[in-house]
């Protein structure tokens, strides 16, 4: 069953949940800016091209920005980090250009794959919130925008993320 943006009102992924919300009511300023930039670069299309994302346009967002290549593989969806901002790597360690199975526990990798699969399913941006599980860092909360990108314009093959991390209890 293919879901559309209209049919996905709210979804949770276990371990603890990553809450996925298509309403896109972002709280953190950098996440709101990241979404606005993605929408501007999409220019009315379903998604921007990867080449439309220009780091020099969003210097302030670079520490919060990640670009992941999505690959369909026999064992499921592969997510490969092409760009990982410094704020992201402060939480998850150096992941830039490294296979995620080499740096993430299997259950955390599965959590990431489930979120990426939801994005592929609806083909539109999602706001994601939850707690970080990597290396017992559940005291860190995240808010992110996950949005599709395409190398050619034909299909989603990249994931655009802008993430804000905060300690549990912070606004």
N, C-alpha and C. Protein backbone atom coordinates (compact mmCIF):
# COMPACT_ATOMS: atom_id res chain seq x y z
N UNK A 1 0.84 -1.18 0.00
CA UNK A 1 0.00 0.00 0.00
C UNK A 1 0.88 1.24 0.00
N UNK A 2 0.69 2.09 -0.96
CA UNK A 2 1.45 3.33 -1.05
C UNK A 2 0.74 4.41 -0.26
N UNK A 3 1.50 5.08 0.59
CA UNK A 3 0.92 6.16 1.39
C UNK A 3 1.20 7.49 0.71
N UNK A 4 0.29 8.40 0.87
CA UNK A 4 0.50 9.76 0.37
C UNK A 4 0.68 10.67 1.57
N UNK A 5 1.07 11.90 1.31
CA UNK A 5 1.24 12.87 2.38
C UNK A 5 -0.08 13.04 3.14
N UNK A 6 -1.20 12.95 2.43
CA UNK A 6 -2.50 13.10 3.08
C UNK A 6 -2.84 11.91 3.98
N UNK A 7 -2.42 10.70 3.58
CA UNK A 7 -2.77 9.52 4.37
C UNK A 7 -1.84 9.31 5.56
N UNK A 8 -0.68 9.93 5.54
CA UNK A 8 0.24 9.81 6.68
C UNK A 8 0.03 11.02 7.56
N UNK A 9 -0.79 10.87 8.60
CA UNK A 9 -1.02 12.00 9.48
C UNK A 9 0.01 12.03 10.60
N UNK A 10 0.44 10.86 11.03
CA UNK A 10 1.42 10.80 12.12
C UNK A 10 1.88 9.37 12.23
N UNK A 11 3.16 9.14 12.45
CA UNK A 11 3.69 7.78 12.54
C UNK A 11 4.81 7.76 13.56
N UNK A 12 4.96 6.64 14.26
CA UNK A 12 6.06 6.45 15.20
C UNK A 12 6.87 5.23 14.81
N UNK A 13 8.16 5.31 15.07
CA UNK A 13 9.07 4.19 14.88
C UNK A 13 9.58 3.83 16.27
N UNK A 14 9.58 2.57 16.62
CA UNK A 14 9.95 2.13 17.96
C UNK A 14 11.45 2.27 18.23
N UNK A 15 11.82 2.19 19.48
CA UNK A 15 13.20 2.08 19.99
C UNK A 15 13.81 3.33 20.59
N UNK A 16 13.38 4.07 21.40
CA UNK A 16 12.04 4.63 21.51
C UNK A 16 11.66 5.31 20.20
N UNK A 17 10.45 5.78 20.14
CA UNK A 17 9.96 6.23 18.85
C UNK A 17 10.70 7.43 18.27
N UNK A 18 10.80 7.41 16.95
CA UNK A 18 11.08 8.62 16.19
C UNK A 18 9.71 9.04 15.68
N UNK A 19 9.28 10.20 16.07
CA UNK A 19 7.98 10.68 15.63
C UNK A 19 8.14 11.40 14.30
N UNK A 20 7.38 10.96 13.31
CA UNK A 20 7.41 11.53 11.97
C UNK A 20 6.12 12.28 11.72
N UNK A 21 6.26 13.54 11.36
CA UNK A 21 5.08 14.39 11.23
C UNK A 21 5.15 15.17 9.92
N UNK A 22 4.21 14.95 9.00
CA UNK A 22 4.22 15.67 7.73
C UNK A 22 3.73 17.11 7.86
N UNK A 23 3.24 17.52 9.05
CA UNK A 23 2.75 18.89 9.22
C UNK A 23 3.88 19.92 9.13
N UNK A 24 5.11 19.50 9.39
CA UNK A 24 6.30 20.34 9.22
C UNK A 24 6.28 21.60 10.09
N UNK A 25 5.74 21.48 11.28
CA UNK A 25 5.71 22.62 12.21
C UNK A 25 6.99 22.62 13.04
N UNK A 26 8.05 23.09 12.42
CA UNK A 26 9.39 23.06 13.01
C UNK A 26 9.54 24.14 14.08
N UNK A 27 10.24 23.81 15.15
CA UNK A 27 10.45 24.71 16.28
C UNK A 27 11.83 25.36 16.21
N UNK A 28 12.88 24.57 16.07
CA UNK A 28 14.25 25.10 16.08
C UNK A 28 14.49 25.98 14.85
N UNK A 29 15.12 27.14 15.06
CA UNK A 29 15.34 28.07 13.93
C UNK A 29 16.10 27.45 12.76
N UNK A 30 17.15 26.67 13.05
CA UNK A 30 17.93 26.10 11.94
C UNK A 30 17.12 25.05 11.17
N UNK A 31 16.23 24.36 11.85
CA UNK A 31 15.39 23.37 11.17
C UNK A 31 14.37 24.09 10.29
N UNK A 32 13.78 25.17 10.81
CA UNK A 32 12.84 25.97 9.99
C UNK A 32 13.57 26.53 8.76
N UNK A 33 14.79 27.06 8.97
CA UNK A 33 15.56 27.62 7.85
C UNK A 33 15.94 26.54 6.84
N UNK A 34 16.29 25.36 7.34
CA UNK A 34 16.62 24.25 6.45
C UNK A 34 15.44 23.85 5.59
N UNK A 35 14.26 23.81 6.18
CA UNK A 35 13.05 23.49 5.41
C UNK A 35 12.77 24.59 4.39
N UNK A 36 12.86 25.85 4.80
CA UNK A 36 12.60 26.96 3.88
C UNK A 36 13.57 26.93 2.70
N UNK A 37 14.82 26.62 2.96
CA UNK A 37 15.81 26.54 1.88
C UNK A 37 15.46 25.39 0.93
N UNK A 38 15.13 24.21 1.48
CA UNK A 38 14.76 23.08 0.64
C UNK A 38 13.57 23.46 -0.25
N UNK A 39 12.54 24.10 0.35
CA UNK A 39 11.35 24.49 -0.41
C UNK A 39 11.70 25.49 -1.52
N UNK A 40 12.56 26.44 -1.21
CA UNK A 40 12.99 27.42 -2.21
C UNK A 40 13.72 26.73 -3.36
N UNK A 41 14.61 25.80 -3.03
CA UNK A 41 15.37 25.11 -4.06
C UNK A 41 14.49 24.14 -4.87
N UNK A 42 13.43 23.63 -4.27
CA UNK A 42 12.50 22.76 -5.01
C UNK A 42 11.76 23.57 -6.08
N UNK A 43 11.51 24.84 -5.81
CA UNK A 43 10.89 25.74 -6.80
C UNK A 43 9.63 25.15 -7.42
N UNK A 44 8.76 24.60 -6.58
CA UNK A 44 7.49 24.06 -7.05
C UNK A 44 7.56 22.62 -7.55
N UNK A 45 8.75 22.05 -7.64
CA UNK A 45 8.91 20.65 -8.05
C UNK A 45 8.71 19.76 -6.83
N UNK A 46 8.52 18.46 -7.02
CA UNK A 46 8.38 17.56 -5.87
C UNK A 46 9.62 17.56 -4.96
N UNK A 47 10.80 17.83 -5.54
CA UNK A 47 12.03 17.89 -4.76
C UNK A 47 13.10 18.59 -5.58
N UNK A 48 14.07 19.20 -4.89
CA UNK A 48 15.19 19.77 -5.64
C UNK A 48 16.15 18.68 -6.11
N UNK A 49 16.97 19.04 -7.05
CA UNK A 49 18.08 18.19 -7.45
C UNK A 49 19.18 18.33 -6.41
N UNK A 50 20.05 17.34 -6.32
CA UNK A 50 21.20 17.44 -5.41
C UNK A 50 22.03 18.66 -5.77
N UNK A 51 22.17 18.94 -7.04
CA UNK A 51 22.97 20.09 -7.50
C UNK A 51 22.35 21.43 -7.14
N UNK A 52 21.07 21.44 -6.76
CA UNK A 52 20.41 22.68 -6.32
C UNK A 52 20.81 23.07 -4.90
N UNK A 53 21.33 22.12 -4.13
CA UNK A 53 21.75 22.38 -2.75
C UNK A 53 23.18 22.91 -2.80
N UNK A 54 23.32 24.18 -2.52
CA UNK A 54 24.61 24.85 -2.64
C UNK A 54 25.08 25.29 -1.26
N UNK A 55 26.10 24.64 -0.72
CA UNK A 55 26.59 24.97 0.62
C UNK A 55 26.88 26.45 0.83
N UNK A 56 27.39 27.12 -0.19
CA UNK A 56 27.70 28.55 -0.04
C UNK A 56 26.45 29.40 0.22
N UNK A 57 25.26 28.88 -0.12
CA UNK A 57 24.00 29.60 0.15
C UNK A 57 23.55 29.45 1.60
N UNK A 58 24.05 28.43 2.28
CA UNK A 58 23.53 28.11 3.61
C UNK A 58 24.66 27.87 4.61
N UNK A 59 25.64 28.73 4.59
CA UNK A 59 26.82 28.57 5.45
C UNK A 59 26.41 28.40 6.91
N UNK A 60 25.44 29.17 7.40
CA UNK A 60 25.01 29.08 8.80
C UNK A 60 24.43 27.71 9.13
N UNK A 61 23.87 27.03 8.14
CA UNK A 61 23.24 25.73 8.38
C UNK A 61 24.21 24.56 8.25
N UNK A 62 25.38 24.77 7.70
CA UNK A 62 26.30 23.66 7.42
C UNK A 62 26.60 22.78 8.64
N UNK A 63 26.78 23.32 9.85
CA UNK A 63 27.02 22.43 10.99
C UNK A 63 25.84 21.49 11.28
N UNK A 64 24.66 21.85 10.81
CA UNK A 64 23.44 21.08 11.09
C UNK A 64 23.00 20.22 9.90
N UNK A 65 23.68 20.36 8.77
CA UNK A 65 23.26 19.73 7.51
C UNK A 65 23.92 18.38 7.30
N UNK A 66 23.14 17.42 6.83
CA UNK A 66 23.66 16.12 6.39
C UNK A 66 23.01 15.79 5.05
N UNK A 67 23.78 15.18 4.19
CA UNK A 67 23.28 14.63 2.93
C UNK A 67 23.63 13.16 2.91
N UNK A 68 22.61 12.33 2.77
CA UNK A 68 22.79 10.89 2.75
C UNK A 68 22.37 10.36 1.39
N UNK A 69 23.21 9.51 0.82
CA UNK A 69 22.86 8.80 -0.40
C UNK A 69 22.01 7.60 -0.01
N UNK A 70 20.95 7.36 -0.73
CA UNK A 70 20.08 6.22 -0.49
C UNK A 70 20.29 5.21 -1.61
N UNK A 71 20.55 3.96 -1.22
CA UNK A 71 20.78 2.90 -2.20
C UNK A 71 19.88 1.71 -1.86
N UNK A 72 19.22 1.20 -2.86
CA UNK A 72 18.44 -0.02 -2.66
C UNK A 72 19.40 -1.19 -2.78
N UNK A 73 19.36 -2.07 -1.79
CA UNK A 73 20.28 -3.21 -1.75
C UNK A 73 19.48 -4.46 -1.42
N UNK A 74 20.03 -5.64 -1.70
CA UNK A 74 19.32 -6.89 -1.39
C UNK A 74 18.91 -7.00 0.09
N UNK A 75 19.73 -6.51 1.00
CA UNK A 75 19.42 -6.58 2.42
C UNK A 75 18.54 -5.45 2.92
N UNK A 76 18.09 -4.59 2.05
CA UNK A 76 17.27 -3.45 2.45
C UNK A 76 17.90 -2.14 2.00
N UNK A 77 17.44 -1.08 2.54
CA UNK A 77 17.88 0.25 2.17
C UNK A 77 19.24 0.56 2.80
N UNK A 78 20.18 1.00 1.98
CA UNK A 78 21.48 1.45 2.48
C UNK A 78 21.47 2.97 2.53
N UNK A 79 22.00 3.52 3.61
CA UNK A 79 22.10 4.96 3.78
C UNK A 79 23.58 5.28 3.93
N UNK A 80 24.10 6.09 3.02
CA UNK A 80 25.53 6.39 3.04
C UNK A 80 25.74 7.90 3.21
N UNK A 81 26.45 8.32 4.26
CA UNK A 81 26.63 9.75 4.53
C UNK A 81 27.65 10.40 3.59
N UNK A 82 27.17 11.27 2.71
CA UNK A 82 28.04 12.01 1.80
C UNK A 82 28.54 13.30 2.45
N UNK A 83 27.73 13.87 3.33
CA UNK A 83 28.10 15.08 4.05
C UNK A 83 27.49 14.98 5.44
N UNK A 84 28.28 15.23 6.46
CA UNK A 84 27.78 15.21 7.84
C UNK A 84 28.29 16.45 8.55
N UNK A 85 27.35 17.30 8.95
CA UNK A 85 27.71 18.53 9.64
C UNK A 85 28.34 18.28 11.00
N UNK A 86 29.08 19.27 11.48
CA UNK A 86 29.82 19.12 12.73
C UNK A 86 28.91 18.88 13.94
N UNK A 87 27.74 19.49 13.98
CA UNK A 87 26.82 19.26 15.11
C UNK A 87 26.34 17.81 15.11
N UNK A 88 26.10 17.27 13.93
CA UNK A 88 25.68 15.87 13.79
C UNK A 88 26.80 14.95 14.25
N UNK A 89 28.02 15.24 13.84
CA UNK A 89 29.14 14.39 14.22
C UNK A 89 29.53 14.55 15.69
N UNK A 90 29.19 15.66 16.32
CA UNK A 90 29.41 15.79 17.77
C UNK A 90 28.59 14.73 18.52
N UNK A 91 27.43 14.40 17.99
CA UNK A 91 26.54 13.43 18.64
C UNK A 91 26.84 12.01 18.18
N UNK A 92 27.04 11.80 16.89
CA UNK A 92 27.18 10.44 16.33
C UNK A 92 28.61 10.04 16.01
N UNK A 93 29.56 10.94 16.20
CA UNK A 93 30.94 10.64 15.87
C UNK A 93 31.18 10.84 14.39
N UNK A 94 32.41 10.62 13.96
CA UNK A 94 32.74 10.82 12.54
C UNK A 94 32.05 9.77 11.67
N UNK A 95 31.09 10.23 10.87
CA UNK A 95 30.36 9.31 9.99
C UNK A 95 30.52 9.68 8.52
N UNK A 96 31.04 10.86 8.24
CA UNK A 96 31.19 11.35 6.86
C UNK A 96 31.94 10.31 6.01
N UNK A 97 31.30 9.90 4.93
CA UNK A 97 31.88 8.95 3.97
C UNK A 97 32.26 7.60 4.58
N UNK A 98 31.55 7.19 5.63
CA UNK A 98 31.79 5.87 6.23
C UNK A 98 30.52 5.04 6.14
N UNK A 99 30.62 3.76 5.85
CA UNK A 99 29.43 2.91 5.85
C UNK A 99 28.79 2.91 7.24
N UNK A 100 27.52 3.20 7.32
CA UNK A 100 26.86 3.31 8.63
C UNK A 100 26.92 2.02 9.45
N UNK A 101 26.86 0.82 8.84
CA UNK A 101 26.99 -0.38 9.67
C UNK A 101 28.32 -0.45 10.44
N UNK A 102 29.31 0.28 9.98
CA UNK A 102 30.61 0.28 10.66
C UNK A 102 30.63 1.23 11.86
N UNK A 103 29.66 2.14 11.95
CA UNK A 103 29.69 3.14 13.03
C UNK A 103 28.45 3.15 13.92
N UNK A 104 27.38 2.49 13.49
CA UNK A 104 26.14 2.48 14.27
C UNK A 104 25.75 1.06 14.66
N UNK A 105 25.18 0.93 15.84
CA UNK A 105 24.65 -0.36 16.28
C UNK A 105 23.50 -0.77 15.34
N UNK A 106 23.30 -2.07 15.14
CA UNK A 106 22.27 -2.54 14.21
C UNK A 106 20.87 -1.98 14.50
N UNK A 107 20.49 -1.89 15.77
CA UNK A 107 19.15 -1.39 16.08
C UNK A 107 19.01 0.09 15.76
N UNK A 108 20.08 0.85 15.89
CA UNK A 108 20.03 2.27 15.56
C UNK A 108 20.00 2.43 14.04
N UNK A 109 20.78 1.65 13.35
CA UNK A 109 20.77 1.67 11.89
C UNK A 109 19.37 1.33 11.37
N UNK A 110 18.72 0.33 11.98
CA UNK A 110 17.36 -0.03 11.56
C UNK A 110 16.39 1.11 11.81
N UNK A 111 16.57 1.82 12.89
CA UNK A 111 15.73 2.98 13.21
C UNK A 111 15.89 4.05 12.11
N UNK A 112 17.12 4.30 11.68
CA UNK A 112 17.38 5.27 10.62
C UNK A 112 16.77 4.80 9.30
N UNK A 113 16.92 3.50 9.01
CA UNK A 113 16.35 2.96 7.76
C UNK A 113 14.84 3.09 7.74
N UNK A 114 14.20 2.87 8.87
CA UNK A 114 12.74 2.98 8.94
C UNK A 114 12.29 4.41 8.67
N UNK A 115 13.01 5.39 9.21
CA UNK A 115 12.67 6.78 8.96
C UNK A 115 12.87 7.13 7.48
N UNK A 116 13.98 6.69 6.90
CA UNK A 116 14.23 6.95 5.48
C UNK A 116 13.19 6.26 4.60
N UNK A 117 12.78 5.05 4.97
CA UNK A 117 11.76 4.33 4.20
C UNK A 117 10.43 5.08 4.23
N UNK A 118 10.09 5.67 5.37
CA UNK A 118 8.85 6.45 5.46
C UNK A 118 8.92 7.65 4.52
N UNK A 119 10.08 8.29 4.45
CA UNK A 119 10.24 9.43 3.54
C UNK A 119 10.10 8.97 2.09
N UNK A 120 10.73 7.84 1.75
CA UNK A 120 10.60 7.31 0.39
C UNK A 120 9.15 6.98 0.06
N UNK A 121 8.44 6.48 1.05
CA UNK A 121 7.05 6.08 0.84
C UNK A 121 6.16 7.26 0.48
N UNK A 122 6.33 8.39 1.18
CA UNK A 122 5.46 9.52 0.88
C UNK A 122 6.07 10.50 -0.11
N UNK A 123 7.39 10.48 -0.26
CA UNK A 123 8.04 11.33 -1.25
C UNK A 123 7.96 12.81 -0.95
N UNK A 124 7.88 13.16 0.31
CA UNK A 124 7.75 14.56 0.71
C UNK A 124 8.47 14.76 2.04
N UNK A 125 8.80 16.00 2.39
CA UNK A 125 9.50 16.25 3.65
C UNK A 125 8.71 15.79 4.87
N UNK A 126 9.45 15.40 5.89
CA UNK A 126 8.88 15.03 7.18
C UNK A 126 9.67 15.72 8.29
N UNK A 127 8.98 16.11 9.32
CA UNK A 127 9.64 16.59 10.53
C UNK A 127 9.79 15.37 11.44
N UNK A 128 10.98 15.15 11.95
CA UNK A 128 11.24 14.02 12.83
C UNK A 128 11.70 14.54 14.19
N UNK A 129 11.20 13.93 15.25
CA UNK A 129 11.62 14.29 16.60
C UNK A 129 11.79 13.02 17.42
N UNK A 130 12.61 13.10 18.44
CA UNK A 130 12.81 11.95 19.31
C UNK A 130 14.06 12.11 20.14
N UNK A 131 14.51 10.98 20.68
CA UNK A 131 15.72 10.94 21.49
C UNK A 131 16.81 10.18 20.75
N UNK A 132 18.03 10.61 20.96
CA UNK A 132 19.19 9.93 20.39
C UNK A 132 19.43 8.66 21.20
N UNK A 133 19.70 7.56 20.54
CA UNK A 133 20.00 6.31 21.24
C UNK A 133 21.48 5.95 21.17
N UNK A 134 22.19 6.51 20.24
CA UNK A 134 23.59 6.18 20.00
C UNK A 134 24.42 6.38 21.27
N UNK A 135 25.15 5.36 21.66
CA UNK A 135 26.06 5.40 22.79
C UNK A 135 25.41 5.96 24.07
N UNK A 136 24.22 5.49 24.36
CA UNK A 136 23.50 5.88 25.58
C UNK A 136 23.32 7.39 25.72
N UNK A 137 23.07 8.07 24.63
CA UNK A 137 22.87 9.52 24.65
C UNK A 137 21.39 9.88 24.63
N UNK A 138 20.56 9.09 25.32
CA UNK A 138 19.12 9.32 25.29
C UNK A 138 18.72 10.61 26.00
N UNK A 139 19.66 11.28 26.66
CA UNK A 139 19.39 12.57 27.27
C UNK A 139 19.39 13.69 26.22
N UNK A 140 19.76 13.35 24.98
CA UNK A 140 19.77 14.32 23.88
C UNK A 140 18.52 14.11 23.03
N UNK A 141 17.80 15.19 22.82
CA UNK A 141 16.63 15.17 21.94
C UNK A 141 17.02 15.77 20.59
N UNK A 142 16.30 15.40 19.57
CA UNK A 142 16.55 15.98 18.26
C UNK A 142 15.25 16.42 17.62
N UNK A 143 15.36 17.41 16.79
CA UNK A 143 14.32 17.81 15.85
C UNK A 143 15.03 17.94 14.52
N UNK A 144 14.45 17.36 13.48
CA UNK A 144 15.08 17.46 12.16
C UNK A 144 14.03 17.55 11.08
N UNK A 145 14.46 18.10 9.99
CA UNK A 145 13.67 18.02 8.77
C UNK A 145 14.38 17.00 7.89
N UNK A 146 13.63 16.04 7.40
CA UNK A 146 14.12 15.05 6.43
C UNK A 146 13.38 15.35 5.13
N UNK A 147 14.14 15.52 4.05
CA UNK A 147 13.50 15.85 2.79
C UNK A 147 14.19 15.13 1.65
N UNK A 148 13.43 14.81 0.61
CA UNK A 148 14.01 14.07 -0.52
C UNK A 148 14.82 14.96 -1.45
N UNK A 149 15.84 14.37 -2.02
CA UNK A 149 16.64 14.97 -3.09
C UNK A 149 16.79 13.93 -4.19
N UNK A 150 17.13 14.43 -5.37
CA UNK A 150 17.36 13.53 -6.50
C UNK A 150 18.59 13.98 -7.27
N UNK A 151 19.38 13.03 -7.70
CA UNK A 151 20.54 13.35 -8.53
C UNK A 151 20.09 13.73 -9.94
N UNK A 152 19.08 13.02 -10.43
CA UNK A 152 18.64 13.21 -11.82
C UNK A 152 17.26 13.85 -11.96
N UNK A 153 16.48 13.86 -10.90
CA UNK A 153 15.11 14.34 -10.96
C UNK A 153 14.11 13.22 -11.18
N UNK A 154 14.59 12.01 -11.43
CA UNK A 154 13.71 10.89 -11.73
C UNK A 154 13.21 10.18 -10.47
N UNK A 155 14.08 10.03 -9.46
CA UNK A 155 13.68 9.32 -8.26
C UNK A 155 14.45 9.85 -7.05
N UNK A 156 13.93 9.58 -5.88
CA UNK A 156 14.60 9.99 -4.65
C UNK A 156 15.82 9.08 -4.46
N UNK A 157 17.00 9.67 -4.43
CA UNK A 157 18.19 8.88 -4.18
C UNK A 157 19.12 9.54 -3.16
N UNK A 158 18.63 10.65 -2.57
CA UNK A 158 19.39 11.31 -1.51
C UNK A 158 18.42 11.83 -0.46
N UNK A 159 18.96 11.98 0.72
CA UNK A 159 18.20 12.46 1.86
C UNK A 159 18.87 13.72 2.38
N UNK A 160 18.10 14.78 2.51
CA UNK A 160 18.56 16.08 3.01
C UNK A 160 18.07 16.19 4.45
N UNK A 161 18.99 16.39 5.39
CA UNK A 161 18.63 16.53 6.81
C UNK A 161 19.20 17.82 7.36
N UNK A 162 18.39 18.52 8.14
CA UNK A 162 18.89 19.62 8.96
C UNK A 162 18.39 19.32 10.37
N UNK A 163 19.34 19.20 11.31
CA UNK A 163 19.03 18.70 12.65
C UNK A 163 19.43 19.70 13.73
N UNK A 164 18.59 19.76 14.75
CA UNK A 164 18.89 20.52 15.97
C UNK A 164 18.90 19.53 17.12
N UNK A 165 19.94 19.57 17.94
CA UNK A 165 20.04 18.72 19.12
C UNK A 165 19.92 19.58 20.36
N UNK A 166 19.26 19.03 21.39
CA UNK A 166 19.15 19.74 22.67
C UNK A 166 19.13 18.70 23.79
N UNK A 167 19.45 19.15 24.98
CA UNK A 167 19.39 18.27 26.14
C UNK A 167 17.94 18.12 26.54
N UNK A 168 17.58 16.96 27.06
CA UNK A 168 16.22 16.73 27.52
C UNK A 168 15.83 17.83 28.50
N UNK A 169 14.67 18.41 28.32
CA UNK A 169 14.19 19.44 29.20
C UNK A 169 14.41 20.84 28.65
N UNK A 170 15.35 21.00 27.66
CA UNK A 170 15.53 22.30 27.04
C UNK A 170 14.39 22.56 26.08
N UNK A 171 14.12 23.81 25.84
CA UNK A 171 13.06 24.17 24.90
C UNK A 171 13.51 23.88 23.49
